[in-house]
Amino acid sequence: MSAFDRVADIVQRGVDEHAFPAAVVEVGTERNVLWQRAFGRLDADVDSAPTQLETIFDLASLTKVIATASLVMRLIERGALELEQPIREWLSDWRGTDREHVRLRSLLTHSSGLTAWLPFYRDHTGRQEFQHAICTLPLEYTPDTESIYSDLGFILLGFIIEDAGGKPFGAQAEELLSTITTAPLMFNPPAGLRSSIAPTENDPWRGRRLIGEVHDENCWALGGAAGHAGLFGTAQAVGDFARAVLGGLNRNDARLASAETIRLFVTRAGPSTGSRALGWDTMLPTSSCGTKISPSAFGHTGFTGTTLWIDPERDVYVVFLTNRVNPTRENNAIQKIRPAVHDAILTALS
């Protein structure tokens, strides 16, 4: 009998109760994978192919930490970016007395004053149109007085990374991540991988089932690779990334960044930004990580049903990937399952 049987029961119940058709869980440490298992089928159809450990998921907002925050760390260490740089030094559209002092740090902590989300995809395509539209939005609150999770701020970060790194955002991300994993972790996966990808939504706006096409509409209008979304990957690939983070913290594995820089990015930023670190979120007993993970843990979720939490104190990470938006994004049953999964895993490890 496996110590992780309780975890398996919770995830399987999620499949049985239609919280998601497909799921893969991976638990590991800096040096080893402790447990992996695939659940369900790729689609809600009973004739759909069974989920495999190699199934590729739309990672959604895990892009923010795996790609965007990692690239910012690298560019800071190269001297191409600084956390305290005003955004207006990179984006000429960002101007006005209400925002002239907003810094790169504020985008990372979701405290720039920008609203959470707007459907720009309905009227805009490409960087130039998105950049102008976001930069000229009225701010929702005084910057750096609170934190409101914002896709829009991370879209701007993607643009800044392009300029600072001198290459398209997606190309920079894939170049970096290729040093971390050989498993699929990419934007705009090729058609040849379609049979290995978990479908997301029957999208009424695009009028089709999304398989290997980014679920997030704003990211789609930006070409499928953006600072807030777009990455596709397997649980193994996300696990390899988690081990690189732990290795960076524990033994200065510098493939992502130095231990000092990683620690800065995963540490809670300050009282005005709540649980937010730089790109990452940190442990709250009411969040997706449950109640048993260490106070020093950090992680992130993705809208499509993806989760990554890393606990450096216990030297453990948890990858939980699903396609909970299949067949519709209105299904929120995963919200109760996520903390239960993490609590069961930490119980099994103790």
Protein backbone atom coordinates (compact mmCIF):
# COMPACT_ATOMS: atom_id res chain seq x y z
CA MET A 1 0.00 0.00 0.00
CA SER A 2 1.45 3.35 -1.09
CA ALA A 3 1.75 6.32 1.24
CA PHE A 4 0.17 8.31 -1.58
CA ASP A 5 -3.01 6.21 -1.85
CA ARG A 6 -5.02 8.96 -0.16
CA VAL A 7 -3.75 11.47 -2.71
CA ALA A 8 -4.71 9.15 -5.54
CA ASP A 9 -8.20 8.70 -4.08
CA ILE A 10 -8.76 12.48 -3.95
CA VAL A 11 -7.61 13.06 -7.53
CA GLN A 12 -9.57 10.08 -8.86
CA ARG A 13 -12.66 11.39 -7.13
CA GLY A 14 -12.09 14.67 -8.94
CA VAL A 15 -12.15 12.79 -12.24
CA ASP A 16 -15.22 10.76 -11.24
CA GLU A 17 -17.11 13.87 -10.17
CA HIS A 18 -16.16 15.74 -13.37
CA ALA A 19 -13.96 18.38 -11.77
CA PHE A 20 -11.55 17.67 -14.66
CA PRO A 21 -11.20 14.92 -17.28
CA ALA A 22 -7.40 14.55 -17.02
CA ALA A 23 -4.80 15.01 -14.30
CA VAL A 24 -1.15 14.24 -13.64
CA VAL A 25 0.52 14.63 -10.25
CA GLU A 26 4.26 14.64 -9.59
CA VAL A 27 5.86 14.93 -6.15
CA GLY A 28 9.61 15.23 -5.75
CA THR A 29 12.64 16.67 -4.01
CA GLU A 30 15.62 18.59 -5.35
CA ARG A 31 17.25 15.34 -6.49
CA ASN A 32 14.46 12.78 -6.94
CA VAL A 33 10.92 12.18 -8.13
CA LEU A 34 9.05 10.54 -5.25
CA TRP A 35 5.71 9.81 -6.90
CA GLN A 36 4.01 10.29 -10.28
CA ARG A 37 0.60 9.23 -11.48
CA ALA A 38 -1.78 10.01 -14.33
CA PHE A 39 -5.57 10.01 -13.94
CA GLY A 40 -8.62 10.01 -16.19
CA ARG A 41 -8.83 10.61 -19.92
CA LEU A 42 -7.75 13.53 -22.06
CA ASP A 43 -11.31 14.55 -22.82
CA ALA A 44 -14.72 14.26 -21.20
CA ASP A 45 -15.67 11.72 -23.88
CA VAL A 46 -15.50 8.17 -22.47
CA ASP A 47 -13.81 7.03 -25.69
CA SER A 48 -10.99 9.56 -25.29
CA ALA A 49 -7.41 8.37 -24.84
CA PRO A 50 -6.24 7.71 -21.26
CA THR A 51 -4.06 10.37 -19.65
CA GLN A 52 -0.35 9.51 -19.65
CA LEU A 53 2.54 10.81 -17.55
CA GLU A 54 3.71 12.38 -20.83
CA THR A 55 0.43 14.24 -21.43
CA ILE A 56 1.00 17.91 -22.28
CA PHE A 57 -1.17 20.54 -20.58
CA ASP A 58 -1.86 24.21 -21.23
CA LEU A 59 0.00 25.60 -18.21
CA ALA A 60 -1.78 29.00 -18.33
CA SER A 61 -0.47 31.34 -15.60
CA LEU A 62 2.34 29.01 -14.56
CA THR A 63 3.94 30.86 -17.49
CA LYS A 64 4.27 33.85 -15.15
CA VAL A 65 6.72 32.08 -12.85
CA ILE A 66 8.31 29.43 -15.09
CA ALA A 67 9.04 31.80 -17.99
CA THR A 68 8.50 35.46 -17.12
CA ALA A 69 9.88 35.70 -13.58
CA SER A 70 12.79 33.44 -14.55
CA LEU A 71 13.71 35.65 -17.50
CA VAL A 72 13.51 38.79 -15.35
CA MET A 73 15.89 37.15 -12.84
CA ARG A 74 18.35 36.33 -15.62
CA LEU A 75 18.17 39.81 -17.15
CA ILE A 76 18.69 41.44 -13.75
CA GLU A 77 21.81 39.36 -13.19
CA ARG A 78 23.09 40.38 -16.61
CA GLY A 79 22.51 44.03 -15.77
CA ALA A 80 19.91 44.47 -18.52
CA LEU A 81 17.07 45.14 -16.06
CA GLU A 82 16.73 46.61 -12.56
CA LEU A 83 13.82 46.05 -10.19
CA GLU A 84 13.63 49.74 -9.33
CA GLN A 85 13.56 50.96 -12.94
CA PRO A 86 10.47 53.01 -13.79
CA ILE A 87 8.30 51.28 -16.39
CA ARG A 88 8.28 54.46 -18.48
CA GLU A 89 11.99 53.91 -19.23
CA TRP A 90 10.99 50.82 -21.25
CA LEU A 91 7.47 51.59 -22.46
CA SER A 92 7.00 55.06 -23.93
CA ASP A 93 3.19 54.76 -23.79
CA TRP A 94 3.36 54.50 -19.97
CA ARG A 95 3.13 58.16 -19.01
CA GLY A 96 1.19 60.40 -16.65
CA THR A 97 1.67 61.79 -13.18
CA ASP A 98 -0.36 58.94 -11.67
CA ARG A 99 2.09 56.31 -12.93
CA GLU A 100 5.45 57.87 -13.72
CA HIS A 101 7.10 56.35 -10.65
CA VAL A 102 5.69 52.82 -11.05
CA ARG A 103 8.59 50.38 -11.20
CA LEU A 104 9.37 47.00 -12.70
CA ARG A 105 9.04 45.56 -9.18
CA SER A 106 5.42 46.73 -9.07
CA LEU A 107 4.52 44.68 -12.15
CA LEU A 108 6.02 41.57 -10.53
CA THR A 109 4.10 42.06 -7.27
CA HIS A 110 0.81 42.89 -9.03
CA SER A 111 0.80 46.32 -7.39
CA SER A 112 1.13 48.60 -10.43
CA GLY A 113 -2.42 49.96 -10.23
CA LEU A 114 -3.54 48.03 -13.30
CA THR A 115 -6.86 46.21 -13.33
CA ALA A 116 -6.86 42.41 -13.33
CA TRP A 117 -8.00 41.65 -16.88
CA LEU A 118 -9.81 43.07 -19.87
CA PRO A 119 -10.88 41.37 -23.14
CA PHE A 120 -8.45 43.24 -25.40
CA TYR A 121 -8.52 40.30 -27.84
CA ARG A 122 -11.91 41.46 -29.09
CA ASP A 123 -10.46 44.64 -30.61
CA HIS A 124 -6.66 44.32 -30.59
CA THR A 125 -3.92 42.07 -31.96
CA GLY A 126 -0.18 42.20 -31.60
CA ARG A 127 2.20 43.99 -29.27
CA GLN A 128 1.78 47.56 -30.49
CA GLU A 129 -1.99 47.60 -30.00
CA PHE A 130 -1.90 45.77 -26.66
CA GLN A 131 0.90 47.91 -25.28
CA HIS A 132 -0.83 51.17 -26.09
CA ALA A 133 -4.19 49.95 -24.76
CA ILE A 134 -2.77 48.71 -21.44
CA CYS A 135 -0.41 51.65 -20.84
CA THR A 136 -3.16 54.21 -21.35
CA LEU A 137 -5.74 52.52 -19.10
CA PRO A 138 -6.90 54.50 -16.07
CA LEU A 139 -5.29 52.96 -13.00
CA GLU A 140 -7.66 51.15 -10.65
CA TYR A 141 -5.84 52.14 -7.44
CA THR A 142 -2.79 54.06 -6.24
CA PRO A 143 0.29 52.00 -7.18
CA ASP A 144 2.13 50.11 -4.42
CA THR A 145 -0.69 50.53 -1.89
CA GLU A 146 -2.21 47.09 -2.50
CA SER A 147 -1.92 44.05 -4.77
CA ILE A 148 -4.53 43.07 -7.38
CA TYR A 149 -3.53 40.06 -9.46
CA SER A 150 -3.14 41.36 -13.01
CA ASP A 151 -2.56 39.58 -16.29
CA LEU A 152 -2.09 43.00 -17.85
CA GLY A 153 1.01 43.77 -15.82
CA PHE A 154 2.62 40.51 -16.91
CA ILE A 155 1.77 41.18 -20.54
CA LEU A 156 3.81 44.38 -20.17
CA LEU A 157 6.63 42.42 -18.51
CA GLY A 158 6.77 40.20 -21.58
CA PHE A 159 7.23 43.26 -23.78
CA ILE A 160 9.97 44.64 -21.53
CA ILE A 161 11.77 41.27 -21.58
CA GLU A 162 11.70 41.33 -25.39
CA ASP A 163 13.40 44.71 -25.48
CA ALA A 164 15.88 44.01 -22.70
CA GLY A 165 16.84 40.59 -24.06
CA GLY A 166 16.88 41.57 -27.71
CA LYS A 167 14.81 38.57 -28.85
CA PRO A 168 11.11 37.62 -28.93
CA PHE A 169 9.75 36.70 -25.50
CA GLY A 170 8.91 33.12 -26.50
CA ALA A 171 12.35 32.51 -27.99
CA GLN A 172 14.10 33.75 -24.85
CA ALA A 173 11.90 31.57 -22.64
CA GLU A 174 12.37 28.40 -24.67
CA GLU A 175 16.13 28.98 -24.85
CA LEU A 176 16.33 29.27 -21.05
CA LEU A 177 13.99 26.37 -20.33
CA SER A 178 15.87 24.06 -22.71
CA THR A 179 18.73 24.19 -20.19
CA ILE A 180 16.33 22.98 -17.47
CA THR A 181 14.43 20.10 -19.11
CA THR A 182 14.32 17.92 -22.19
CA ALA A 183 10.62 17.19 -21.66
CA PRO A 184 8.07 19.27 -23.63
CA LEU A 185 7.90 22.84 -22.31
CA MET A 186 7.08 25.27 -25.10
CA PHE A 187 4.79 27.83 -26.69
CA ASN A 188 2.61 26.99 -29.69
CA PRO A 189 3.23 23.22 -29.72
CA PRO A 190 3.45 21.73 -33.22
CA ALA A 191 0.59 19.78 -34.77
CA GLY A 192 2.57 16.56 -34.41
CA LEU A 193 2.07 16.69 -30.62
CA ARG A 194 -1.69 17.20 -30.82
CA SER A 195 -2.55 13.64 -29.80
CA SER A 196 -0.53 14.08 -26.59
CA ILE A 197 -2.18 17.34 -25.52
CA ALA A 198 -5.09 17.55 -23.09
CA PRO A 199 -7.90 19.56 -24.75
CA THR A 200 -9.17 22.60 -22.89
CA GLU A 201 -12.42 24.38 -23.68
CA ASN A 202 -15.09 24.27 -26.33
CA ASP A 203 -14.40 27.95 -26.93
CA PRO A 204 -17.56 29.82 -27.99
CA TRP A 205 -15.60 32.89 -29.11
CA ARG A 206 -13.24 31.02 -31.44
CA GLY A 207 -15.94 28.50 -32.31
CA ARG A 208 -13.82 25.40 -31.83
CA ARG A 209 -12.36 22.92 -29.35
CA LEU A 210 -8.92 24.05 -28.22
CA ILE A 211 -6.20 21.39 -28.50
CA GLY A 212 -2.67 22.71 -28.47
CA GLU A 213 -3.98 26.23 -28.99
CA VAL A 214 -3.57 28.54 -26.01
CA HIS A 215 -6.76 28.85 -23.96
CA ASP A 216 -6.18 32.47 -22.91
CA GLU A 217 -7.71 34.72 -25.56
CA ASN A 218 -5.42 37.70 -24.94
CA CYS A 219 -2.39 35.44 -25.31
CA TRP A 220 -3.89 34.02 -28.51
CA ALA A 221 -4.23 37.55 -29.91
CA LEU A 222 -0.55 38.10 -29.09
CA GLY A 223 0.51 35.07 -31.12
CA GLY A 224 0.40 32.38 -28.41
CA ALA A 225 3.44 33.49 -26.39
CA ALA A 226 3.05 36.24 -23.79
CA GLY A 227 4.27 37.21 -20.35
CA HIS A 228 1.09 36.03 -18.63
CA ALA A 229 0.25 32.76 -20.43
CA GLY A 230 1.02 30.47 -23.34
CA LEU A 231 3.36 27.75 -22.04
CA PHE A 232 2.45 24.11 -22.64
CA GLY A 233 4.25 21.33 -20.82
CA THR A 234 4.24 18.00 -19.03
CA ALA A 235 4.34 17.34 -15.30
CA GLN A 236 7.89 16.06 -15.77
CA ALA A 237 8.94 19.36 -17.37
CA VAL A 238 7.38 21.41 -14.56
CA GLY A 239 9.01 19.06 -12.04
CA ASP A 240 12.40 19.56 -13.69
CA PHE A 241 11.89 23.30 -13.35
CA ALA A 242 10.95 22.92 -9.66
CA ARG A 243 14.12 20.90 -9.04
CA ALA A 244 16.17 23.64 -10.73
CA VAL A 245 14.63 26.19 -8.37
CA LEU A 246 15.41 24.03 -5.32
CA GLY A 247 18.90 23.37 -6.66
CA GLY A 248 19.43 27.08 -7.09
CA LEU A 249 18.40 27.73 -3.50
CA ASN A 250 20.23 24.78 -1.94
CA ARG A 251 23.49 24.42 -3.86
CA ASN A 252 23.71 27.45 -6.13
CA ASP A 253 22.68 25.62 -9.31
CA ALA A 254 22.81 28.79 -11.40
CA ARG A 255 20.93 27.62 -14.51
CA LEU A 256 18.06 29.93 -13.56
CA ALA A 257 19.83 32.47 -11.37
CA SER A 258 21.99 32.73 -8.26
CA ALA A 259 20.65 31.60 -4.89
CA GLU A 260 20.49 35.23 -3.76
CA THR A 261 18.33 36.29 -6.71
CA ILE A 262 16.00 33.28 -6.49
CA ARG A 263 15.55 33.87 -2.76
CA LEU A 264 14.67 37.50 -3.41
CA PHE A 265 12.00 36.50 -5.95
CA VAL A 266 10.33 33.84 -3.78
CA THR A 267 10.23 35.88 -0.56
CA ARG A 268 7.10 37.85 0.34
CA ALA A 269 7.62 41.39 -0.96
CA GLY A 270 6.09 43.47 1.83
CA PRO A 271 2.97 44.28 3.85
CA SER A 272 1.21 46.26 1.10
CA THR A 273 1.33 43.35 -1.36
CA GLY A 274 -0.09 40.63 0.89
CA SER A 275 1.14 37.13 0.08
CA ARG A 276 2.81 38.20 -3.18
CA ALA A 277 6.50 37.73 -3.84
CA LEU A 278 8.14 38.74 -7.15
CA GLY A 279 5.99 36.86 -9.63
CA TRP A 280 5.35 34.06 -7.15
CA ASP A 281 2.69 33.70 -4.48
CA THR A 282 3.53 32.51 -0.96
CA MET A 283 1.85 30.23 1.54
CA LEU A 284 -1.51 31.14 3.02
CA PRO A 285 -3.56 28.43 4.77
CA THR A 286 -6.55 29.48 2.66
CA SER A 287 -4.80 29.06 -0.71
CA SER A 288 -4.39 26.20 -3.17
CA CYS A 289 -1.43 24.75 -1.23
CA GLY A 290 -3.55 23.70 1.74
CA THR A 291 -2.66 24.07 5.41
CA LYS A 292 0.28 21.69 5.94
CA ILE A 293 2.96 23.08 3.65
CA SER A 294 5.75 25.18 5.24
CA PRO A 295 5.31 28.93 5.75
CA SER A 296 8.31 29.46 3.45
CA ALA A 297 6.62 27.68 0.51
CA PHE A 298 5.93 29.50 -2.73
CA GLY A 299 3.89 28.60 -5.78
CA HIS A 300 1.37 29.57 -8.42
CA THR A 301 -1.79 28.35 -10.12
CA GLY A 302 -3.05 28.48 -13.69
CA PHE A 303 -6.59 29.19 -14.88
CA THR A 304 -6.79 25.96 -16.90
CA GLY A 305 -6.35 23.90 -13.72
CA THR A 306 -2.58 23.79 -13.16
CA THR A 307 -0.62 24.18 -9.92
CA LEU A 308 3.00 24.26 -8.78
CA TRP A 309 4.08 24.59 -5.14
CA ILE A 310 7.67 24.40 -3.88
CA ASP A 311 8.56 23.96 -0.20
CA PRO A 312 12.29 24.64 0.35
CA GLU A 313 12.07 23.94 4.10
CA ARG A 314 10.93 20.35 3.48
CA ASP A 315 12.78 20.04 0.15
CA VAL A 316 9.66 19.04 -1.73
CA TYR A 317 7.63 20.21 -4.71
CA VAL A 318 4.14 19.34 -5.94
CA VAL A 319 3.04 19.56 -9.56
CA PHE A 320 -0.70 19.10 -10.14
CA LEU A 321 -1.81 19.53 -13.75
CA THR A 322 -5.40 19.23 -14.98
CA ASN A 323 -7.63 20.54 -17.77
CA ARG A 324 -10.46 21.64 -15.49
CA VAL A 325 -11.78 24.09 -18.16
CA ASN A 326 -12.82 21.09 -20.30
CA PRO A 327 -15.54 21.37 -21.46
CA THR A 328 -16.24 24.78 -19.85
CA ARG A 329 -14.38 27.34 -17.74
CA GLU A 330 -17.47 27.66 -15.53
CA ASN A 331 -16.46 24.44 -13.73
CA ASN A 332 -14.74 25.49 -10.47
CA ALA A 333 -14.87 22.18 -8.59
CA ILE A 334 -11.07 22.04 -8.52
CA GLN A 335 -10.97 24.77 -5.89
CA LYS A 336 -11.79 22.30 -3.10
CA ILE A 337 -9.60 19.54 -4.54
CA ARG A 338 -6.33 21.48 -4.78
CA PRO A 339 -5.81 22.11 -1.04
CA ALA A 340 -6.96 18.58 -0.20
CA VAL A 341 -4.38 17.12 -2.60
CA HIS A 342 -1.56 19.17 -1.09
CA ASP A 343 -2.59 18.37 2.49
CA ALA A 344 -2.72 14.63 1.66
CA ILE A 345 0.73 14.79 0.04
CA LEU A 346 2.30 16.55 3.02
CA THR A 347 0.64 14.04 5.35
CA ALA A 348 2.04 11.17 3.31
CA LEU A 349 5.53 12.64 3.42
CA SER A 350 5.41 13.18 7.18
